[in-house]
Amino acid sequence: MTPRPRERGSIALEQVIIWPVVIATIVAIIQGALWFHARNVALSAAQEGARAASVETRGDGAAHAKAFIAAAGGTKVMTGANVSQHDTGTTVTVTVSGSAPSLVPGMAGPSFSQSSTAPLKRWTTR
């Protein structure tokens, strides 16, 4: 069966419209997965840093968080990682911020900030 004259080229036009949308959707899904993974690594690093800083020896939570990020993949997982630690009299908070790697060259990946707070452990007398 031969196509009618007015339908010639309609498949090529459909492909020109559909394939860029399909490829953009796939890139968006992968970029979202990279952001989600980097955010989870940042949260785990913040929790590890807060745990290390809350013990009786008062370790450097920011250094532990940075070491956790390096062990998890470093700049392959998150770019521009910034780690900070804030102590109060009873709690310590470690915050990790950065951005996910970008699939599009020249564009920055989506950014995030995760923090974890832990109570300072100490001996008390009753």
N, C-alpha and C. Protein backbone atom coordinates (compact mmCIF):
# COMPACT_ATOMS: atom_id res chain seq x y z
N MET A 1 0.84 -1.17 0.00
CA MET A 1 0.00 0.00 0.00
C MET A 1 0.89 1.24 0.00
N THR A 2 0.66 2.12 -0.89
CA THR A 2 1.47 3.33 -1.00
C THR A 2 0.80 4.47 -0.24
N PRO A 3 1.60 5.32 0.38
CA PRO A 3 1.01 6.43 1.12
C PRO A 3 0.40 7.45 0.17
N ARG A 4 -0.60 8.10 0.65
CA ARG A 4 -1.22 9.16 -0.13
C ARG A 4 -0.27 10.35 -0.22
N PRO A 5 -0.37 11.15 -1.25
CA PRO A 5 0.58 12.24 -1.43
C PRO A 5 0.64 13.22 -0.25
N ARG A 6 -0.46 13.49 0.41
CA ARG A 6 -0.43 14.46 1.49
C ARG A 6 0.20 13.90 2.77
N GLU A 7 0.41 12.59 2.87
CA GLU A 7 1.00 11.98 4.06
C GLU A 7 2.50 11.73 3.93
N ARG A 8 3.07 12.04 2.80
CA ARG A 8 4.50 11.78 2.59
C ARG A 8 5.33 12.66 3.51
N GLY A 9 6.29 12.07 4.19
CA GLY A 9 7.16 12.81 5.10
C GLY A 9 6.61 13.00 6.49
N SER A 10 5.43 12.48 6.78
CA SER A 10 4.86 12.69 8.11
C SER A 10 5.62 11.91 9.17
N ILE A 11 6.18 10.76 8.83
CA ILE A 11 6.94 9.97 9.80
C ILE A 11 8.22 10.71 10.16
N ALA A 12 8.90 11.28 9.21
CA ALA A 12 10.13 12.02 9.50
C ALA A 12 9.82 13.22 10.40
N LEU A 13 8.73 13.91 10.16
CA LEU A 13 8.35 15.05 11.00
C LEU A 13 8.03 14.60 12.42
N GLU A 14 7.35 13.47 12.56
CA GLU A 14 7.04 12.94 13.88
C GLU A 14 8.32 12.58 14.64
N GLN A 15 9.29 12.00 13.93
CA GLN A 15 10.56 11.63 14.57
C GLN A 15 11.33 12.87 15.02
N VAL A 16 11.29 13.93 14.23
CA VAL A 16 11.99 15.17 14.59
C VAL A 16 11.39 15.78 15.85
N ILE A 17 10.12 15.58 16.07
CA ILE A 17 9.46 16.14 17.25
C ILE A 17 9.61 15.22 18.45
N ILE A 18 9.47 13.92 18.26
CA ILE A 18 9.43 12.98 19.38
C ILE A 18 10.81 12.71 19.98
N TRP A 19 11.84 12.46 19.17
CA TRP A 19 13.13 12.04 19.71
C TRP A 19 13.80 13.08 20.60
N PRO A 20 13.78 14.36 20.29
CA PRO A 20 14.37 15.31 21.25
C PRO A 20 13.65 15.31 22.60
N VAL A 21 12.34 15.11 22.59
CA VAL A 21 11.59 15.06 23.84
C VAL A 21 11.97 13.81 24.63
N VAL A 22 12.12 12.69 23.95
CA VAL A 22 12.51 11.44 24.62
C VAL A 22 13.91 11.57 25.21
N ILE A 23 14.85 12.12 24.46
CA ILE A 23 16.23 12.27 24.95
C ILE A 23 16.28 13.26 26.12
N ALA A 24 15.54 14.36 26.03
CA ALA A 24 15.52 15.33 27.13
C ALA A 24 14.92 14.71 28.39
N THR A 25 13.92 13.86 28.25
CA THR A 25 13.32 13.19 29.40
C THR A 25 14.31 12.23 30.05
N ILE A 26 15.05 11.49 29.24
CA ILE A 26 16.05 10.55 29.78
C ILE A 26 17.15 11.31 30.51
N VAL A 27 17.63 12.42 29.94
CA VAL A 27 18.66 13.23 30.59
C VAL A 27 18.14 13.79 31.90
N ALA A 28 16.90 14.25 31.93
CA ALA A 28 16.32 14.80 33.16
C ALA A 28 16.20 13.73 34.25
N ILE A 29 15.84 12.51 33.87
CA ILE A 29 15.74 11.42 34.85
C ILE A 29 17.11 11.09 35.42
N ILE A 30 18.13 11.01 34.57
CA ILE A 30 19.48 10.70 35.05
C ILE A 30 20.01 11.83 35.92
N GLN A 31 19.75 13.10 35.54
CA GLN A 31 20.20 14.23 36.35
C GLN A 31 19.52 14.22 37.71
N GLY A 32 18.25 13.87 37.75
CA GLY A 32 17.54 13.76 39.02
C GLY A 32 18.13 12.67 39.90
N ALA A 33 18.51 11.55 39.29
CA ALA A 33 19.12 10.46 40.06
C ALA A 33 20.48 10.88 40.62
N LEU A 34 21.28 11.62 39.84
CA LEU A 34 22.57 12.11 40.33
C LEU A 34 22.38 13.07 41.50
N TRP A 35 21.37 13.96 41.40
CA TRP A 35 21.08 14.89 42.49
C TRP A 35 20.66 14.14 43.75
N PHE A 36 19.77 13.15 43.59
CA PHE A 36 19.28 12.39 44.73
C PHE A 36 20.43 11.64 45.42
N HIS A 37 21.32 11.04 44.63
CA HIS A 37 22.45 10.30 45.21
C HIS A 37 23.41 11.26 45.94
N ALA A 38 23.71 12.40 45.32
CA ALA A 38 24.62 13.35 45.95
C ALA A 38 24.02 13.90 47.24
N ARG A 39 22.71 14.14 47.25
CA ARG A 39 22.04 14.62 48.45
C ARG A 39 22.09 13.58 49.55
N ASN A 40 21.91 12.30 49.21
CA ASN A 40 21.99 11.25 50.22
C ASN A 40 23.41 11.11 50.78
N VAL A 41 24.42 11.25 49.93
CA VAL A 41 25.81 11.20 50.41
C VAL A 41 26.06 12.38 51.35
N ALA A 42 25.54 13.55 51.02
CA ALA A 42 25.72 14.73 51.88
C ALA A 42 25.04 14.52 53.23
N LEU A 43 23.85 13.95 53.23
CA LEU A 43 23.16 13.69 54.50
C LEU A 43 23.93 12.66 55.34
N SER A 44 24.42 11.62 54.72
CA SER A 44 25.20 10.61 55.45
C SER A 44 26.49 11.21 55.99
N ALA A 45 27.14 12.08 55.21
CA ALA A 45 28.37 12.73 55.68
C ALA A 45 28.06 13.64 56.86
N ALA A 46 26.96 14.37 56.80
CA ALA A 46 26.58 15.24 57.92
C ALA A 46 26.29 14.42 59.17
N GLN A 47 25.60 13.30 59.02
CA GLN A 47 25.31 12.44 60.16
C GLN A 47 26.59 11.86 60.75
N GLU A 48 27.52 11.43 59.90
CA GLU A 48 28.79 10.90 60.38
C GLU A 48 29.59 11.97 61.10
N GLY A 49 29.60 13.17 60.55
CA GLY A 49 30.32 14.27 61.20
C GLY A 49 29.70 14.65 62.54
N ALA A 50 28.38 14.70 62.62
CA ALA A 50 27.71 15.02 63.88
C ALA A 50 27.95 13.93 64.92
N ARG A 51 27.92 12.68 64.49
CA ARG A 51 28.19 11.58 65.41
C ARG A 51 29.61 11.68 65.96
N ALA A 52 30.58 11.94 65.10
CA ALA A 52 31.98 12.03 65.54
C ALA A 52 32.20 13.24 66.44
N ALA A 53 31.53 14.34 66.18
CA ALA A 53 31.72 15.54 67.00
C ALA A 53 30.98 15.48 68.33
N SER A 54 30.00 14.61 68.45
CA SER A 54 29.20 14.58 69.68
C SER A 54 29.79 13.70 70.77
N VAL A 55 30.75 12.87 70.46
CA VAL A 55 31.31 11.97 71.47
C VAL A 55 32.11 12.76 72.49
N GLU A 56 32.47 12.11 73.57
CA GLU A 56 33.13 12.79 74.68
C GLU A 56 34.46 13.43 74.29
N THR A 57 35.16 12.86 73.32
CA THR A 57 36.45 13.42 72.92
C THR A 57 36.29 14.65 72.04
N ARG A 58 35.06 14.98 71.63
CA ARG A 58 34.76 16.16 70.80
C ARG A 58 35.62 16.21 69.55
N GLY A 59 35.47 15.19 68.72
CA GLY A 59 36.23 15.12 67.47
C GLY A 59 35.82 16.20 66.50
N ASP A 60 36.60 16.37 65.47
CA ASP A 60 36.32 17.36 64.44
C ASP A 60 35.31 16.76 63.46
N GLY A 61 34.05 17.15 63.61
CA GLY A 61 32.97 16.61 62.78
C GLY A 61 33.10 16.99 61.33
N ALA A 62 33.56 18.21 61.05
CA ALA A 62 33.72 18.65 59.66
C ALA A 62 34.76 17.80 58.94
N ALA A 63 35.85 17.47 59.63
CA ALA A 63 36.89 16.63 59.00
C ALA A 63 36.36 15.23 58.73
N HIS A 64 35.57 14.69 59.65
CA HIS A 64 34.98 13.37 59.42
C HIS A 64 34.01 13.39 58.25
N ALA A 65 33.23 14.46 58.13
CA ALA A 65 32.29 14.58 57.02
C ALA A 65 33.04 14.67 55.69
N LYS A 66 34.12 15.44 55.65
CA LYS A 66 34.92 15.55 54.42
C LYS A 66 35.54 14.21 54.05
N ALA A 67 36.01 13.47 55.05
CA ALA A 67 36.58 12.15 54.78
C ALA A 67 35.51 11.20 54.25
N PHE A 68 34.30 11.30 54.77
CA PHE A 68 33.20 10.45 54.29
C PHE A 68 32.90 10.76 52.82
N ILE A 69 32.86 12.04 52.47
CA ILE A 69 32.59 12.43 51.08
C ILE A 69 33.69 11.91 50.17
N ALA A 70 34.95 12.03 50.60
CA ALA A 70 36.06 11.54 49.78
C ALA A 70 35.98 10.03 49.58
N ALA A 71 35.59 9.30 50.64
CA ALA A 71 35.47 7.85 50.52
C ALA A 71 34.29 7.44 49.65
N ALA A 72 33.27 8.29 49.57
CA ALA A 72 32.08 7.97 48.78
C ALA A 72 32.23 8.32 47.31
N GLY A 73 33.33 8.96 46.93
CA GLY A 73 33.54 9.27 45.52
C GLY A 73 34.03 10.68 45.27
N GLY A 74 34.04 11.51 46.29
CA GLY A 74 34.57 12.86 46.15
C GLY A 74 33.84 13.70 45.11
N THR A 75 34.61 14.29 44.18
CA THR A 75 34.02 15.19 43.19
C THR A 75 33.22 14.45 42.13
N LYS A 76 33.34 13.14 42.06
CA LYS A 76 32.50 12.39 41.13
C LYS A 76 31.06 12.33 41.62
N VAL A 77 30.88 12.46 42.93
CA VAL A 77 29.54 12.40 43.52
C VAL A 77 28.98 13.79 43.75
N MET A 78 29.81 14.72 44.23
CA MET A 78 29.32 16.07 44.50
C MET A 78 30.43 17.08 44.22
N THR A 79 30.05 18.20 43.63
CA THR A 79 31.03 19.24 43.32
C THR A 79 30.80 20.42 44.26
N GLY A 80 31.88 21.11 44.56
CA GLY A 80 31.80 22.29 45.42
C GLY A 80 31.31 21.99 46.82
N ALA A 81 31.75 20.87 47.37
CA ALA A 81 31.30 20.49 48.71
C ALA A 81 31.81 21.49 49.75
N ASN A 82 30.90 21.94 50.60
CA ASN A 82 31.24 22.86 51.68
C ASN A 82 30.71 22.26 52.98
N VAL A 83 31.60 22.06 53.94
CA VAL A 83 31.23 21.43 55.21
C VAL A 83 31.47 22.43 56.34
N SER A 84 30.48 22.59 57.21
CA SER A 84 30.65 23.48 58.36
C SER A 84 30.12 22.79 59.62
N GLN A 85 30.65 23.21 60.76
CA GLN A 85 30.26 22.65 62.04
C GLN A 85 29.93 23.79 62.99
N HIS A 86 28.81 23.65 63.70
CA HIS A 86 28.39 24.67 64.66
C HIS A 86 28.08 23.98 65.99
N ASP A 87 28.76 24.43 67.05
CA ASP A 87 28.56 23.87 68.38
C ASP A 87 27.79 24.85 69.25
N THR A 88 26.83 24.30 70.01
CA THR A 88 26.20 25.07 71.08
C THR A 88 26.60 24.41 72.38
N GLY A 89 26.04 24.81 73.45
CA GLY A 89 26.40 24.21 74.73
C GLY A 89 25.98 22.76 74.85
N THR A 90 24.93 22.37 74.15
CA THR A 90 24.40 21.02 74.32
C THR A 90 24.32 20.21 73.02
N THR A 91 24.44 20.85 71.88
CA THR A 91 24.33 20.13 70.60
C THR A 91 25.43 20.56 69.64
N VAL A 92 25.63 19.74 68.64
CA VAL A 92 26.55 20.05 67.54
C VAL A 92 25.79 19.81 66.24
N THR A 93 25.96 20.72 65.28
CA THR A 93 25.31 20.59 63.98
C THR A 93 26.37 20.64 62.89
N VAL A 94 26.33 19.65 62.01
CA VAL A 94 27.23 19.60 60.85
C VAL A 94 26.37 19.79 59.61
N THR A 95 26.76 20.73 58.75
CA THR A 95 26.03 21.02 57.53
C THR A 95 26.93 20.77 56.33
N VAL A 96 26.41 20.05 55.35
CA VAL A 96 27.13 19.77 54.10
C VAL A 96 26.29 20.33 52.95
N SER A 97 26.91 21.17 52.14
CA SER A 97 26.23 21.71 50.97
C SER A 97 27.12 21.54 49.75
N GLY A 98 26.51 21.52 48.60
CA GLY A 98 27.25 21.35 47.36
C GLY A 98 26.27 21.24 46.21
N SER A 99 26.74 20.68 45.11
CA SER A 99 25.86 20.47 43.96
C SER A 99 26.19 19.14 43.31
N ALA A 100 25.20 18.60 42.64
CA ALA A 100 25.37 17.33 41.93
C ALA A 100 26.12 17.58 40.63
N PRO A 101 26.84 16.58 40.14
CA PRO A 101 27.48 16.75 38.83
C PRO A 101 26.44 16.98 37.75
N SER A 102 26.79 17.79 36.77
CA SER A 102 25.85 18.12 35.70
C SER A 102 26.13 17.28 34.46
N LEU A 103 25.08 16.82 33.82
CA LEU A 103 25.23 16.10 32.55
C LEU A 103 25.41 17.04 31.37
N VAL A 104 25.00 18.29 31.54
CA VAL A 104 25.09 19.27 30.47
C VAL A 104 26.36 20.09 30.69
N PRO A 105 27.32 20.02 29.77
CA PRO A 105 28.56 20.78 29.95
C PRO A 105 28.29 22.28 30.03
N GLY A 106 28.99 22.95 30.95
CA GLY A 106 28.85 24.38 31.10
C GLY A 106 27.74 24.81 32.04
N MET A 107 26.89 23.89 32.45
CA MET A 107 25.81 24.21 33.38
C MET A 107 26.12 23.62 34.74
N ALA A 108 25.80 24.36 35.78
CA ALA A 108 26.00 23.83 37.14
C ALA A 108 24.88 22.85 37.46
N GLY A 109 25.22 21.82 38.20
CA GLY A 109 24.22 20.85 38.62
C GLY A 109 23.34 21.42 39.71
N PRO A 110 22.24 20.74 40.01
CA PRO A 110 21.34 21.22 41.07
C PRO A 110 22.04 21.20 42.43
N SER A 111 21.80 22.21 43.23
CA SER A 111 22.47 22.32 44.53
C SER A 111 21.57 21.78 45.65
N PHE A 112 22.19 21.56 46.81
CA PHE A 112 21.49 21.01 47.97
C PHE A 112 22.25 21.40 49.22
N SER A 113 21.60 21.24 50.36
CA SER A 113 22.22 21.46 51.66
C SER A 113 21.56 20.49 52.64
N GLN A 114 22.37 19.72 53.34
CA GLN A 114 21.89 18.76 54.31
C GLN A 114 22.60 18.99 55.64
N SER A 115 21.88 18.85 56.74
CA SER A 115 22.50 19.03 58.05
C SER A 115 22.00 17.96 59.02
N SER A 116 22.81 17.75 60.04
CA SER A 116 22.48 16.79 61.08
C SER A 116 22.90 17.37 62.42
N THR A 117 22.04 17.20 63.41
CA THR A 117 22.30 17.71 64.76
C THR A 117 22.32 16.54 65.73
N ALA A 118 23.29 16.57 66.62
CA ALA A 118 23.40 15.51 67.63
C ALA A 118 23.68 16.15 68.99
N PRO A 119 23.18 15.53 70.06
CA PRO A 119 23.47 16.06 71.39
C PRO A 119 24.91 15.76 71.78
N LEU A 120 25.53 16.68 72.53
CA LEU A 120 26.88 16.45 73.01
C LEU A 120 26.84 15.46 74.17
N LYS A 121 27.60 14.42 74.07
CA LYS A 121 27.61 13.40 75.13
C LYS A 121 28.64 13.79 76.18
N ARG A 122 28.23 13.69 77.43
CA ARG A 122 29.14 14.02 78.52
C ARG A 122 28.70 13.28 79.78
N TRP A 123 29.62 13.13 80.70
CA TRP A 123 29.32 12.50 81.97
C TRP A 123 28.65 13.53 82.88
N THR A 124 27.63 13.08 83.57
CA THR A 124 26.99 13.96 84.54
C THR A 124 26.91 13.24 85.88
N THR A 125 26.82 14.00 86.91
CA THR A 125 26.66 13.43 88.25
C THR A 125 25.28 13.83 88.75
N ARG A 126 24.71 12.95 89.53
CA ARG A 126 23.37 13.24 90.07
C ARG A 126 23.45 13.63 91.50
